[in-house]
N, C-alpha and C. Protein backbone atom coordinates (compact mmCIF):
# COMPACT_ATOMS: atom_id res chain seq x y z
N SER A 1 -21.06 38.95 22.67
CA SER A 1 -20.73 38.62 21.30
C SER A 1 -21.98 38.17 20.56
N ARG A 2 -22.03 38.42 19.26
CA ARG A 2 -23.20 38.06 18.46
C ARG A 2 -23.30 36.56 18.25
N LEU A 3 -22.24 35.82 18.50
CA LEU A 3 -22.25 34.38 18.24
C LEU A 3 -22.71 33.55 19.44
N THR A 4 -23.19 34.20 20.48
CA THR A 4 -23.54 33.45 21.69
C THR A 4 -24.73 32.52 21.50
N SER A 5 -25.52 32.72 20.46
CA SER A 5 -26.66 31.83 20.23
C SER A 5 -26.44 30.91 19.03
N LEU A 6 -25.24 30.84 18.50
CA LEU A 6 -24.93 30.01 17.34
C LEU A 6 -25.17 28.54 17.66
N LYS A 7 -25.91 27.85 16.79
CA LYS A 7 -26.24 26.44 17.01
C LYS A 7 -25.41 25.49 16.14
N ASN A 8 -25.15 25.87 14.89
CA ASN A 8 -24.42 25.02 13.95
C ASN A 8 -23.22 25.77 13.39
N LEU A 9 -22.10 25.08 13.31
CA LEU A 9 -20.89 25.68 12.75
C LEU A 9 -20.19 24.65 11.88
N ASN A 10 -19.94 25.02 10.62
CA ASN A 10 -19.26 24.14 9.69
C ASN A 10 -17.94 24.78 9.28
N LEU A 11 -16.84 24.17 9.72
CA LEU A 11 -15.51 24.64 9.37
C LEU A 11 -14.78 23.60 8.53
N GLY A 12 -15.55 22.80 7.81
CA GLY A 12 -14.99 21.73 7.00
C GLY A 12 -14.29 22.25 5.76
N ASN A 13 -13.37 21.42 5.22
CA ASN A 13 -12.65 21.71 3.98
C ASN A 13 -11.89 23.03 4.00
N ASN A 14 -11.20 23.30 5.10
CA ASN A 14 -10.44 24.53 5.23
C ASN A 14 -8.94 24.32 5.40
N LYS A 15 -8.48 23.08 5.27
CA LYS A 15 -7.06 22.74 5.42
C LYS A 15 -6.50 23.15 6.78
N LEU A 16 -7.37 23.16 7.80
CA LEU A 16 -6.94 23.54 9.15
C LEU A 16 -6.00 22.47 9.71
N THR A 17 -4.89 22.90 10.30
CA THR A 17 -3.98 21.97 10.97
C THR A 17 -4.22 22.01 12.48
N GLU A 18 -4.91 23.05 12.95
CA GLU A 18 -5.29 23.17 14.36
C GLU A 18 -6.72 23.66 14.42
N ALA A 19 -7.48 23.10 15.33
CA ALA A 19 -8.87 23.54 15.51
C ALA A 19 -8.86 24.89 16.22
N PRO A 20 -9.64 25.85 15.74
CA PRO A 20 -9.67 27.18 16.37
C PRO A 20 -10.12 27.10 17.82
N ILE A 21 -9.30 27.62 18.71
CA ILE A 21 -9.59 27.52 20.14
C ILE A 21 -10.82 28.34 20.53
N GLY A 22 -11.12 29.38 19.79
CA GLY A 22 -12.28 30.22 20.08
C GLY A 22 -13.60 29.49 19.99
N VAL A 23 -13.65 28.39 19.24
CA VAL A 23 -14.88 27.60 19.11
C VAL A 23 -15.32 27.09 20.48
N ALA A 24 -14.39 26.86 21.37
CA ALA A 24 -14.71 26.35 22.71
C ALA A 24 -15.59 27.32 23.50
N GLN A 25 -15.60 28.60 23.10
CA GLN A 25 -16.44 29.59 23.78
C GLN A 25 -17.90 29.56 23.30
N LEU A 26 -18.14 28.86 22.21
CA LEU A 26 -19.48 28.80 21.63
C LEU A 26 -20.28 27.67 22.28
N THR A 27 -20.58 27.84 23.53
CA THR A 27 -21.17 26.76 24.33
C THR A 27 -22.62 26.44 23.95
N THR A 28 -23.25 27.24 23.09
CA THR A 28 -24.61 26.93 22.64
C THR A 28 -24.62 26.04 21.39
N LEU A 29 -23.45 25.73 20.86
CA LEU A 29 -23.36 24.91 19.66
C LEU A 29 -24.04 23.56 19.87
N LYS A 30 -24.82 23.15 18.88
CA LYS A 30 -25.44 21.83 18.88
C LYS A 30 -24.74 20.92 17.88
N GLU A 31 -24.24 21.52 16.79
CA GLU A 31 -23.58 20.74 15.74
C GLU A 31 -22.30 21.45 15.29
N LEU A 32 -21.21 20.68 15.22
CA LEU A 32 -19.91 21.22 14.79
C LEU A 32 -19.29 20.27 13.78
N SER A 33 -18.90 20.83 12.65
CA SER A 33 -18.19 20.04 11.65
C SER A 33 -16.81 20.65 11.42
N LEU A 34 -15.81 19.81 11.63
CA LEU A 34 -14.41 20.15 11.32
C LEU A 34 -13.88 19.11 10.33
N ALA A 35 -14.79 18.60 9.51
CA ALA A 35 -14.47 17.52 8.57
C ALA A 35 -13.55 17.99 7.46
N HIS A 36 -12.82 17.04 6.91
CA HIS A 36 -11.92 17.26 5.77
C HIS A 36 -10.96 18.42 5.99
N ASN A 37 -10.25 18.33 7.09
CA ASN A 37 -9.16 19.26 7.37
C ASN A 37 -7.90 18.42 7.56
N LYS A 38 -6.94 18.93 8.27
CA LYS A 38 -5.70 18.19 8.52
C LYS A 38 -5.44 18.11 10.03
N LEU A 39 -6.52 17.98 10.79
CA LEU A 39 -6.43 17.99 12.25
C LEU A 39 -5.90 16.67 12.79
N ARG A 40 -5.08 16.78 13.84
CA ARG A 40 -4.56 15.60 14.53
C ARG A 40 -5.24 15.41 15.88
N THR A 41 -5.80 16.51 16.43
CA THR A 41 -6.47 16.46 17.73
C THR A 41 -7.37 17.68 17.87
N LEU A 42 -8.01 17.81 19.02
CA LEU A 42 -8.79 18.99 19.38
C LEU A 42 -8.21 19.58 20.65
N PRO A 43 -8.31 20.89 20.83
CA PRO A 43 -7.84 21.50 22.09
C PRO A 43 -8.65 20.97 23.28
N ALA A 44 -8.02 20.88 24.42
CA ALA A 44 -8.69 20.42 25.65
C ALA A 44 -9.88 21.31 25.97
N GLU A 45 -9.83 22.58 25.59
CA GLU A 45 -10.91 23.52 25.86
C GLU A 45 -12.23 23.12 25.21
N TYR A 46 -12.19 22.29 24.18
CA TYR A 46 -13.41 21.85 23.52
C TYR A 46 -14.29 21.01 24.45
N ALA A 47 -13.74 20.56 25.55
CA ALA A 47 -14.52 19.81 26.54
C ALA A 47 -15.66 20.66 27.09
N LYS A 48 -15.57 21.98 26.95
CA LYS A 48 -16.63 22.89 27.43
C LYS A 48 -17.89 22.81 26.58
N LEU A 49 -17.83 22.16 25.44
CA LEU A 49 -18.97 22.11 24.52
C LEU A 49 -19.97 21.03 24.97
N LYS A 50 -20.53 21.23 26.14
CA LYS A 50 -21.43 20.25 26.76
C LYS A 50 -22.77 20.12 26.05
N ASN A 51 -23.18 21.13 25.28
CA ASN A 51 -24.46 21.09 24.57
C ASN A 51 -24.35 20.51 23.17
N LEU A 52 -23.14 20.18 22.75
CA LEU A 52 -22.93 19.66 21.41
C LEU A 52 -23.63 18.31 21.25
N ARG A 53 -24.40 18.15 20.18
CA ARG A 53 -25.11 16.90 19.91
C ARG A 53 -24.45 16.12 18.77
N VAL A 54 -23.90 16.86 17.79
CA VAL A 54 -23.31 16.23 16.60
C VAL A 54 -21.91 16.78 16.40
N LEU A 55 -20.94 15.86 16.30
CA LEU A 55 -19.56 16.25 16.06
C LEU A 55 -19.05 15.46 14.86
N ARG A 56 -18.67 16.19 13.82
CA ARG A 56 -18.17 15.58 12.59
C ARG A 56 -16.69 15.91 12.44
N LEU A 57 -15.87 14.88 12.61
CA LEU A 57 -14.41 15.03 12.51
C LEU A 57 -13.84 14.14 11.42
N TYR A 58 -14.67 13.70 10.50
CA TYR A 58 -14.22 12.75 9.48
C TYR A 58 -13.25 13.41 8.49
N GLY A 59 -12.41 12.55 7.90
CA GLY A 59 -11.48 13.01 6.88
C GLY A 59 -10.35 13.88 7.40
N ASN A 60 -9.89 13.60 8.61
CA ASN A 60 -8.76 14.32 9.17
C ASN A 60 -7.57 13.37 9.33
N GLU A 61 -6.63 13.70 10.17
CA GLU A 61 -5.43 12.88 10.36
C GLU A 61 -5.29 12.42 11.81
N MET A 62 -6.41 12.23 12.47
CA MET A 62 -6.40 11.86 13.89
C MET A 62 -6.06 10.38 14.07
N GLU A 63 -5.11 10.13 14.97
CA GLU A 63 -4.71 8.76 15.28
C GLU A 63 -5.40 8.24 16.53
N GLU A 64 -6.03 9.14 17.27
CA GLU A 64 -6.80 8.74 18.45
C GLU A 64 -7.96 9.70 18.64
N VAL A 65 -8.96 9.24 19.36
CA VAL A 65 -10.11 10.08 19.68
C VAL A 65 -9.62 11.13 20.68
N PRO A 66 -9.79 12.42 20.38
CA PRO A 66 -9.33 13.46 21.30
C PRO A 66 -9.98 13.34 22.68
N GLU A 67 -9.20 13.61 23.72
CA GLU A 67 -9.71 13.51 25.10
C GLU A 67 -10.92 14.41 25.32
N ALA A 68 -10.95 15.57 24.69
CA ALA A 68 -12.05 16.51 24.88
C ALA A 68 -13.39 15.90 24.48
N VAL A 69 -13.39 15.00 23.53
CA VAL A 69 -14.64 14.39 23.03
C VAL A 69 -15.36 13.64 24.15
N VAL A 70 -14.62 12.98 25.00
CA VAL A 70 -15.21 12.18 26.08
C VAL A 70 -15.97 13.06 27.07
N SER A 71 -15.64 14.33 27.15
CA SER A 71 -16.31 15.25 28.07
C SER A 71 -17.55 15.90 27.47
N MET A 72 -17.82 15.66 26.21
CA MET A 72 -18.98 16.26 25.54
C MET A 72 -20.22 15.44 25.86
N GLU A 73 -20.74 15.64 27.06
CA GLU A 73 -21.78 14.81 27.65
C GLU A 73 -23.04 14.63 26.81
N GLY A 74 -23.41 15.63 26.03
CA GLY A 74 -24.65 15.57 25.27
C GLY A 74 -24.51 14.96 23.89
N LEU A 75 -23.31 14.53 23.53
CA LEU A 75 -23.05 14.04 22.18
C LEU A 75 -23.94 12.85 21.82
N GLU A 76 -24.60 12.95 20.68
CA GLU A 76 -25.47 11.89 20.17
C GLU A 76 -24.88 11.22 18.93
N ILE A 77 -24.17 12.01 18.12
CA ILE A 77 -23.56 11.49 16.90
C ILE A 77 -22.10 11.90 16.87
N LEU A 78 -21.23 10.91 16.73
CA LEU A 78 -19.79 11.16 16.58
C LEU A 78 -19.35 10.49 15.29
N ASP A 79 -18.89 11.30 14.35
CA ASP A 79 -18.45 10.78 13.06
C ASP A 79 -16.96 11.08 12.89
N MET A 80 -16.16 10.04 13.00
CA MET A 80 -14.71 10.16 12.85
C MET A 80 -14.20 9.21 11.78
N HIS A 81 -15.02 8.91 10.80
CA HIS A 81 -14.58 7.99 9.74
C HIS A 81 -13.48 8.66 8.91
N GLY A 82 -12.68 7.83 8.26
CA GLY A 82 -11.66 8.34 7.36
C GLY A 82 -10.52 9.09 8.04
N ASN A 83 -10.19 8.69 9.25
CA ASN A 83 -9.03 9.24 9.94
C ASN A 83 -7.94 8.17 9.96
N LYS A 84 -7.10 8.21 10.98
CA LYS A 84 -6.03 7.21 11.13
C LYS A 84 -6.12 6.57 12.51
N LEU A 85 -7.34 6.46 13.03
CA LEU A 85 -7.55 5.93 14.38
C LEU A 85 -7.03 4.51 14.49
N ASN A 86 -6.32 4.24 15.60
CA ASN A 86 -5.80 2.90 15.86
C ASN A 86 -6.64 2.16 16.89
N THR A 87 -7.28 2.90 17.78
CA THR A 87 -8.04 2.28 18.86
C THR A 87 -9.35 3.03 19.08
N VAL A 88 -10.24 2.37 19.81
CA VAL A 88 -11.48 2.98 20.26
C VAL A 88 -11.39 3.01 21.78
N PRO A 89 -11.32 4.19 22.38
CA PRO A 89 -11.15 4.25 23.83
C PRO A 89 -12.41 3.83 24.59
N ARG A 90 -12.21 3.08 25.65
CA ARG A 90 -13.33 2.65 26.52
C ARG A 90 -14.07 3.86 27.09
N GLU A 91 -13.36 4.97 27.23
CA GLU A 91 -13.95 6.18 27.82
C GLU A 91 -15.14 6.70 27.03
N LEU A 92 -15.29 6.29 25.78
CA LEU A 92 -16.45 6.72 25.00
C LEU A 92 -17.74 6.28 25.65
N ARG A 93 -17.65 5.27 26.52
CA ARG A 93 -18.83 4.80 27.25
C ARG A 93 -19.45 5.88 28.11
N GLN A 94 -18.66 6.88 28.45
CA GLN A 94 -19.15 7.99 29.26
C GLN A 94 -20.15 8.86 28.50
N LEU A 95 -20.19 8.73 27.18
CA LEU A 95 -21.12 9.49 26.36
C LEU A 95 -22.47 8.77 26.37
N ARG A 96 -23.24 8.99 27.41
CA ARG A 96 -24.46 8.23 27.67
C ARG A 96 -25.55 8.42 26.61
N HIS A 97 -25.51 9.50 25.86
CA HIS A 97 -26.55 9.77 24.87
C HIS A 97 -26.13 9.40 23.45
N LEU A 98 -24.93 8.89 23.30
CA LEU A 98 -24.42 8.56 21.97
C LEU A 98 -25.24 7.44 21.34
N HIS A 99 -25.76 7.70 20.13
CA HIS A 99 -26.50 6.64 19.45
C HIS A 99 -25.93 6.32 18.08
N GLU A 100 -25.04 7.15 17.54
CA GLU A 100 -24.35 6.84 16.28
C GLU A 100 -22.86 7.06 16.45
N LEU A 101 -22.09 6.03 16.14
CA LEU A 101 -20.64 6.11 16.22
C LEU A 101 -20.06 5.63 14.89
N MET A 102 -19.55 6.56 14.11
CA MET A 102 -19.03 6.26 12.77
C MET A 102 -17.51 6.25 12.80
N LEU A 103 -16.95 5.05 12.72
CA LEU A 103 -15.49 4.90 12.80
C LEU A 103 -14.95 4.10 11.61
N TYR A 104 -15.70 4.02 10.54
CA TYR A 104 -15.25 3.24 9.38
C TYR A 104 -14.07 3.93 8.69
N GLU A 105 -13.35 3.15 7.88
CA GLU A 105 -12.19 3.63 7.12
C GLU A 105 -11.11 4.23 8.02
N ASN A 106 -10.73 3.49 9.04
CA ASN A 106 -9.64 3.87 9.92
C ASN A 106 -8.63 2.73 9.95
N ASN A 107 -7.86 2.65 11.02
CA ASN A 107 -6.87 1.58 11.17
C ASN A 107 -7.10 0.84 12.49
N ILE A 108 -8.37 0.63 12.84
CA ILE A 108 -8.75 0.05 14.12
C ILE A 108 -8.65 -1.47 14.06
N HIS A 109 -7.89 -2.04 14.99
CA HIS A 109 -7.74 -3.49 15.07
C HIS A 109 -8.69 -4.10 16.10
N ARG A 110 -8.94 -3.37 17.16
CA ARG A 110 -9.80 -3.87 18.24
C ARG A 110 -10.75 -2.78 18.70
N CYS A 111 -11.93 -3.21 19.07
CA CYS A 111 -12.94 -2.29 19.61
C CYS A 111 -13.46 -2.91 20.89
N PRO A 112 -13.38 -2.19 22.02
CA PRO A 112 -13.87 -2.77 23.27
C PRO A 112 -15.36 -3.09 23.17
N SER A 113 -15.72 -4.27 23.67
CA SER A 113 -17.12 -4.70 23.57
C SER A 113 -18.05 -3.80 24.37
N ASP A 114 -17.52 -3.06 25.34
CA ASP A 114 -18.33 -2.11 26.12
C ASP A 114 -19.06 -1.13 25.20
N ILE A 115 -18.42 -0.75 24.12
CA ILE A 115 -19.00 0.23 23.20
C ILE A 115 -20.35 -0.27 22.67
N PHE A 116 -20.44 -1.56 22.40
CA PHE A 116 -21.67 -2.11 21.84
C PHE A 116 -22.77 -2.27 22.89
N ARG A 117 -22.43 -2.10 24.13
CA ARG A 117 -23.41 -2.24 25.21
C ARG A 117 -23.88 -0.90 25.76
N MET A 118 -23.47 0.18 25.13
CA MET A 118 -23.89 1.51 25.58
C MET A 118 -25.41 1.60 25.49
N GLU A 119 -26.00 2.26 26.47
CA GLU A 119 -27.45 2.28 26.60
C GLU A 119 -28.19 2.74 25.36
N GLU A 120 -27.79 3.83 24.75
CA GLU A 120 -28.56 4.41 23.64
C GLU A 120 -27.95 4.12 22.27
N ILE A 121 -26.89 3.35 22.21
CA ILE A 121 -26.23 3.13 20.92
C ILE A 121 -27.16 2.38 19.97
N GLU A 122 -27.29 2.90 18.77
CA GLU A 122 -28.12 2.28 17.73
C GLU A 122 -27.28 1.84 16.54
N GLU A 123 -26.19 2.56 16.29
CA GLU A 123 -25.37 2.23 15.13
C GLU A 123 -23.90 2.45 15.44
N VAL A 124 -23.12 1.43 15.19
CA VAL A 124 -21.66 1.50 15.28
C VAL A 124 -21.15 1.04 13.93
N SER A 125 -20.45 1.91 13.24
CA SER A 125 -19.95 1.57 11.92
C SER A 125 -18.44 1.44 11.96
N LEU A 126 -17.97 0.21 11.75
CA LEU A 126 -16.54 -0.09 11.80
C LEU A 126 -16.04 -0.70 10.48
N ASP A 127 -16.79 -0.53 9.39
CA ASP A 127 -16.38 -1.12 8.11
C ASP A 127 -15.00 -0.58 7.70
N ASP A 128 -14.34 -1.34 6.86
CA ASP A 128 -13.05 -0.95 6.28
C ASP A 128 -12.00 -0.61 7.34
N ASN A 129 -11.94 -1.44 8.35
CA ASN A 129 -10.89 -1.39 9.36
C ASN A 129 -10.25 -2.78 9.41
N PRO A 130 -8.99 -2.88 9.79
CA PRO A 130 -8.38 -4.22 9.91
C PRO A 130 -8.77 -4.89 11.22
N LEU A 131 -10.08 -4.91 11.50
CA LEU A 131 -10.60 -5.47 12.75
C LEU A 131 -10.32 -6.96 12.85
N GLU A 132 -9.95 -7.36 14.05
CA GLU A 132 -9.88 -8.79 14.33
C GLU A 132 -11.30 -9.21 14.67
N TYR A 133 -11.57 -10.50 14.54
CA TYR A 133 -12.93 -10.97 14.81
C TYR A 133 -13.37 -10.54 16.21
N PRO A 134 -14.55 -9.89 16.33
CA PRO A 134 -15.03 -9.49 17.66
C PRO A 134 -15.31 -10.71 18.53
N PRO A 135 -15.23 -10.55 19.84
CA PRO A 135 -15.50 -11.68 20.74
C PRO A 135 -16.93 -12.18 20.58
N PRO A 136 -17.13 -13.51 20.59
CA PRO A 136 -18.47 -14.09 20.38
C PRO A 136 -19.51 -13.59 21.39
N GLN A 137 -19.10 -13.33 22.63
CA GLN A 137 -20.07 -12.88 23.64
C GLN A 137 -20.66 -11.52 23.28
N LEU A 138 -20.01 -10.81 22.39
CA LEU A 138 -20.51 -9.52 21.95
C LEU A 138 -21.86 -9.65 21.28
N LEU A 139 -22.03 -10.68 20.52
CA LEU A 139 -23.28 -10.87 19.78
C LEU A 139 -24.47 -11.09 20.70
N ASP A 140 -24.23 -11.59 21.90
CA ASP A 140 -25.32 -11.86 22.84
C ASP A 140 -25.83 -10.60 23.54
N HIS A 141 -24.99 -9.55 23.59
CA HIS A 141 -25.35 -8.38 24.39
C HIS A 141 -25.46 -7.10 23.59
N SER A 142 -25.34 -7.17 22.29
CA SER A 142 -25.33 -5.95 21.50
C SER A 142 -26.69 -5.67 20.89
N PRO A 143 -26.93 -4.39 20.54
CA PRO A 143 -28.20 -4.05 19.88
C PRO A 143 -28.32 -4.83 18.56
N PRO A 144 -29.55 -5.08 18.10
CA PRO A 144 -29.75 -5.88 16.89
C PRO A 144 -28.98 -5.37 15.67
N ILE A 145 -28.92 -4.05 15.46
CA ILE A 145 -28.24 -3.54 14.27
C ILE A 145 -26.75 -3.90 14.29
N VAL A 146 -26.15 -3.86 15.47
CA VAL A 146 -24.74 -4.21 15.59
C VAL A 146 -24.58 -5.71 15.40
N SER A 147 -25.48 -6.48 16.00
CA SER A 147 -25.42 -7.93 15.86
C SER A 147 -25.47 -8.34 14.39
N ARG A 148 -26.37 -7.73 13.63
CA ARG A 148 -26.47 -8.05 12.21
C ARG A 148 -25.18 -7.72 11.49
N ALA A 149 -24.60 -6.57 11.81
CA ALA A 149 -23.34 -6.17 11.17
C ALA A 149 -22.22 -7.13 11.54
N LEU A 150 -22.17 -7.55 12.79
CA LEU A 150 -21.12 -8.46 13.22
C LEU A 150 -21.32 -9.85 12.64
N MET A 151 -22.57 -10.28 12.51
CA MET A 151 -22.83 -11.58 11.89
C MET A 151 -22.40 -11.55 10.43
N ALA A 152 -22.66 -10.43 9.74
CA ALA A 152 -22.23 -10.30 8.35
C ALA A 152 -20.71 -10.34 8.26
N LEU A 153 -20.05 -9.69 9.22
CA LEU A 153 -18.59 -9.72 9.26
C LEU A 153 -18.09 -11.15 9.47
N LYS A 154 -18.73 -11.87 10.37
CA LYS A 154 -18.35 -13.26 10.62
C LYS A 154 -18.52 -14.10 9.36
N GLN A 155 -19.66 -13.94 8.69
CA GLN A 155 -19.91 -14.70 7.47
C GLN A 155 -18.91 -14.34 6.38
N GLU A 156 -18.59 -13.06 6.28
CA GLU A 156 -17.61 -12.61 5.28
C GLU A 156 -16.24 -13.23 5.55
N ARG A 157 -15.85 -13.26 6.81
CA ARG A 157 -14.56 -13.85 7.16
C ARG A 157 -14.55 -15.36 6.93
N GLU A 158 -15.66 -16.02 7.23
CA GLU A 158 -15.74 -17.46 6.97
C GLU A 158 -15.64 -17.73 5.48
N LEU A 159 -16.30 -16.91 4.67
CA LEU A 159 -16.23 -17.04 3.22
C LEU A 159 -14.81 -16.81 2.73
N GLU A 160 -14.15 -15.84 3.29
CA GLU A 160 -12.75 -15.56 2.92
C GLU A 160 -11.86 -16.75 3.27
N ASN A 161 -12.10 -17.38 4.40
CA ASN A 161 -11.32 -18.57 4.78
C ASN A 161 -11.54 -19.70 3.78
N VAL A 162 -12.78 -19.87 3.33
CA VAL A 162 -13.08 -20.90 2.34
C VAL A 162 -12.34 -20.58 1.04
N ARG A 163 -12.36 -19.31 0.64
CA ARG A 163 -11.65 -18.91 -0.58
C ARG A 163 -10.16 -19.21 -0.46
N ARG A 164 -9.59 -18.87 0.69
CA ARG A 164 -8.16 -19.13 0.89
C ARG A 164 -7.84 -20.61 0.77
N GLU A 165 -8.70 -21.43 1.38
CA GLU A 165 -8.49 -22.88 1.30
C GLU A 165 -8.57 -23.38 -0.13
N LEU A 166 -9.52 -22.85 -0.88
CA LEU A 166 -9.66 -23.27 -2.28
C LEU A 166 -8.43 -22.90 -3.10
N TYR A 167 -7.94 -21.68 -2.92
CA TYR A 167 -6.81 -21.22 -3.72
C TYR A 167 -5.48 -21.78 -3.27
N SER A 168 -5.42 -22.25 -2.02
CA SER A 168 -4.15 -22.81 -1.55
C SER A 168 -4.06 -24.31 -1.79
N SER A 169 -5.14 -24.91 -2.29
CA SER A 169 -5.10 -26.35 -2.56
C SER A 169 -4.29 -26.61 -3.82
N SER A 170 -4.15 -27.86 -4.19
CA SER A 170 -3.36 -28.20 -5.37
C SER A 170 -4.12 -27.90 -6.65
N ASP A 171 -5.39 -27.55 -6.52
CA ASP A 171 -6.17 -27.21 -7.70
C ASP A 171 -5.92 -25.75 -8.08
N VAL A 172 -5.98 -25.50 -9.34
CA VAL A 172 -5.84 -24.14 -9.85
C VAL A 172 -7.12 -23.83 -10.60
N VAL A 173 -7.65 -22.65 -10.41
CA VAL A 173 -8.88 -22.29 -11.10
C VAL A 173 -8.54 -21.94 -12.54
N GLY A 174 -9.23 -22.60 -13.46
CA GLY A 174 -9.00 -22.34 -14.88
C GLY A 174 -9.76 -21.11 -15.33
N THR A 175 -9.58 -20.73 -16.57
CA THR A 175 -10.22 -19.52 -17.09
C THR A 175 -11.73 -19.66 -17.15
N SER A 176 -12.24 -20.86 -17.19
CA SER A 176 -13.69 -21.05 -17.23
C SER A 176 -14.33 -20.94 -15.86
N GLY A 177 -13.48 -20.80 -14.83
CA GLY A 177 -14.01 -20.70 -13.47
C GLY A 177 -14.12 -22.03 -12.79
N THR A 178 -13.80 -23.13 -13.49
CA THR A 178 -13.83 -24.45 -12.88
C THR A 178 -12.43 -24.87 -12.53
N PRO A 179 -12.26 -25.62 -11.47
CA PRO A 179 -10.92 -26.04 -11.08
C PRO A 179 -10.28 -26.90 -12.18
N ALA A 180 -9.03 -26.63 -12.45
CA ALA A 180 -8.27 -27.42 -13.42
C ALA A 180 -7.12 -28.06 -12.67
N ARG A 181 -6.94 -29.36 -12.84
CA ARG A 181 -5.88 -30.08 -12.14
C ARG A 181 -4.51 -29.64 -12.66
N THR A 182 -3.60 -29.40 -11.71
CA THR A 182 -2.24 -29.12 -12.12
C THR A 182 -1.58 -30.42 -12.50
N GLN A 183 -0.75 -30.37 -13.47
CA GLN A 183 -0.09 -31.59 -13.94
C GLN A 183 1.18 -31.81 -13.13
N SER A 184 1.38 -33.01 -12.68
CA SER A 184 2.61 -33.32 -11.94
C SER A 184 3.52 -34.12 -12.85
N ALA A 185 4.80 -33.92 -12.64
CA ALA A 185 5.78 -34.63 -13.46
C ALA A 185 5.74 -36.11 -13.12
N ALA A 186 5.73 -36.97 -14.14
CA ALA A 186 5.63 -38.41 -13.91
C ALA A 186 6.98 -39.06 -13.83
């Protein structure tokens, strides 16, 4: 076939509800984009894409990371932002060369701390998820870029707690931005 040396394939924005199974035969692929479709998963056959370095699955309807992704040994960049992911599987740790993991704008509540300890990981993006506060020990063992992001998240949550306390007190913020005392009946 003439496609045996194909390196990059972009099938984004095609309203696909199923990933084409024939793509699994393109074992020379280095980069694959199936972004902005209506995919819920990938066929198990995609596990054959051992040479894939970049996989873009953002803007789909995936609720979990497809099992085939964990078998893509050479993967360096995985972008699954803007899906409906609920969890981050520990099995992603098997992707020893992964250095960018984009999981922002999903529905992730927890992320295993193992992900932040992956050998080559440089960037993990989890913004705009209903994440619970990561475990404190994570900050001691994670790469600096992740630590900075988690510290910012911690500071943001602390600030939000202060805001909640201010607004739940008996004081009401007036239009000038200064607290105005509520009047109590005498």
